[in-house]
Amino acid sequence: PYEVRSYSWQIEDYFIENNLKDQTYLKFMDQMGKTYLVRDRLNPPKWRVMNEIRDILGHMCMKAVSEDPIKGQKITAWFAADIPVPTGPEELFGLPGLILAYD
C-alpha cells in the first residue's frame, strides 16, 4: 500500500510517498530552484495511547502523544480506530487507525 501526500508553499513543492509494506519513504522537495530526492526507512514515532476520546467528523477518536525527537516538541494526535489505516497528515503515522487531527 502506497500513500502519497503533497504540500505546496509559494514556489516550493514537497511530496512524500510512504511504502508501509516495505517501511520506506520517498521524499521529493523542490526548494529555491533545487530539487532533492530522499529515500530512507520509515521511523514511526513512539506513541502512547491515552485514555481520552473525542468525536471528529463522526468518528470516535482516541488521543495519542509522542515527542518530536529532533525538535523536542510534544505531538498530540487523534486517530480513528474504525478507519484501520496506520497513517495521517504530514509525516505522522504508526497508530492503529487514521490520524484525523494533531497539534
Protein backbone atom coordinates (compact mmCIF):
# COMPACT_ATOMS: atom_id res chain seq x y z
CA PRO A 1 0.00 0.00 0.00
CA TYR A 2 1.34 3.39 -1.00
CA GLU A 3 0.31 6.74 0.34
CA VAL A 4 1.23 9.97 -1.44
CA ARG A 5 0.99 13.33 0.26
CA SER A 6 1.80 16.67 -1.32
CA TYR A 7 2.18 20.18 0.01
CA SER A 8 2.91 23.44 -1.73
CA TRP A 9 4.22 26.71 -0.33
CA GLN A 10 4.62 29.62 -2.72
CA ILE A 11 7.32 28.34 -5.10
CA GLU A 12 8.32 25.23 -3.13
CA ASP A 13 6.88 21.75 -3.68
CA TYR A 14 7.04 18.86 -1.25
CA PHE A 15 5.82 15.29 -1.88
CA ILE A 16 6.09 12.20 0.32
CA GLU A 17 5.36 8.62 -0.73
CA ASN A 18 5.23 6.16 2.16
CA ASN A 19 5.52 2.46 1.38
CA LEU A 20 4.02 0.94 4.53
CA LYS A 21 4.69 -2.62 3.35
CA ASP A 22 8.44 -2.08 2.86
CA GLN A 23 8.63 0.53 5.65
CA THR A 24 10.37 3.06 3.38
CA TYR A 25 9.60 6.57 2.19
CA LEU A 26 10.45 8.66 -0.84
CA LYS A 27 10.52 12.42 -0.33
CA PHE A 28 10.65 14.91 -3.22
CA MET A 29 11.41 18.54 -2.42
CA ASP A 30 11.80 21.44 -4.83
CA GLN A 31 13.21 24.36 -2.87
CA MET A 32 14.66 27.59 -4.18
CA GLY A 33 15.34 26.16 -7.61
CA LYS A 34 16.97 22.94 -6.41
CA THR A 35 15.35 19.50 -6.42
CA TYR A 36 16.04 17.00 -3.66
CA LEU A 37 15.04 13.33 -3.67
CA VAL A 38 15.42 11.33 -0.44
CA ARG A 39 14.68 7.63 0.10
CA ASP A 40 15.01 6.15 3.58
CA ARG A 41 13.41 3.84 6.14
CA LEU A 42 10.24 4.91 7.93
CA ASN A 43 10.75 5.57 11.63
CA PRO A 44 7.37 5.66 13.35
CA PRO A 45 7.04 7.94 16.36
CA LYS A 46 6.90 6.22 19.76
CA TRP A 47 3.23 6.74 20.58
CA ARG A 48 1.49 6.47 23.95
CA VAL A 49 -2.26 5.96 23.55
CA MET A 50 -4.12 7.90 26.22
CA ASN A 51 -7.48 7.22 27.86
CA GLU A 52 -9.23 10.13 26.17
CA ILE A 53 -11.69 10.19 23.25
CA ARG A 54 -13.14 12.91 21.05
CA ASP A 55 -15.59 12.98 18.15
CA ILE A 56 -14.04 14.18 14.89
CA LEU A 57 -16.20 14.15 11.75
CA GLY A 58 -18.46 11.48 13.27
CA HIS A 59 -15.57 9.18 14.26
CA MET A 60 -14.74 8.39 17.86
CA CYS A 61 -11.04 9.20 18.01
CA MET A 62 -8.51 8.26 20.65
CA LYS A 63 -5.74 10.54 21.81
CA ALA A 64 -2.08 9.54 21.40
CA VAL A 65 1.01 11.51 22.37
CA SER A 66 4.61 11.43 21.24
CA GLU A 67 7.63 13.70 21.10
CA ASP A 68 9.43 15.00 18.03
CA PRO A 69 12.95 13.59 18.51
CA ILE A 70 14.60 16.48 16.66
CA LYS A 71 12.63 19.48 17.92
CA GLY A 72 11.76 18.00 21.33
CA GLN A 73 8.16 19.19 20.93
CA LYS A 74 5.15 17.26 22.20
CA ILE A 75 2.86 15.89 19.47
CA THR A 76 -0.79 15.12 20.19
CA ALA A 77 -2.67 13.07 17.59
CA TRP A 78 -6.29 11.92 17.41
CA PHE A 79 -6.82 8.67 15.49
CA ALA A 80 -9.93 6.83 14.33
CA ALA A 81 -9.58 3.11 15.06
CA ASP A 82 -12.63 2.44 12.86
CA ILE A 83 -10.51 3.52 9.85
CA PRO A 84 -7.71 0.92 10.15
CA VAL A 85 -5.11 2.78 8.08
CA PRO A 86 -1.91 3.47 10.09
CA THR A 87 -1.13 6.89 8.59
CA GLY A 88 -2.01 10.56 8.82
CA PRO A 89 -1.10 14.08 7.73
CA GLU A 90 2.41 15.44 7.31
CA GLU A 91 4.85 12.72 8.41
CA LEU A 92 2.70 11.24 11.18
CA PHE A 93 1.85 7.54 11.13
CA GLY A 94 2.15 4.36 13.16
CA LEU A 95 -1.12 4.30 15.09
CA PRO A 96 -3.81 1.60 14.71
CA GLY A 97 -6.09 3.99 12.82
CA LEU A 98 -6.13 7.06 10.58
CA ILE A 99 -4.90 10.25 12.25
CA LEU A 100 -7.65 12.83 11.70
CA ALA A 101 -6.21 15.69 13.78
CA TYR A 102 -2.98 16.68 15.50
CA ASP A 103 -1.20 19.57 17.19
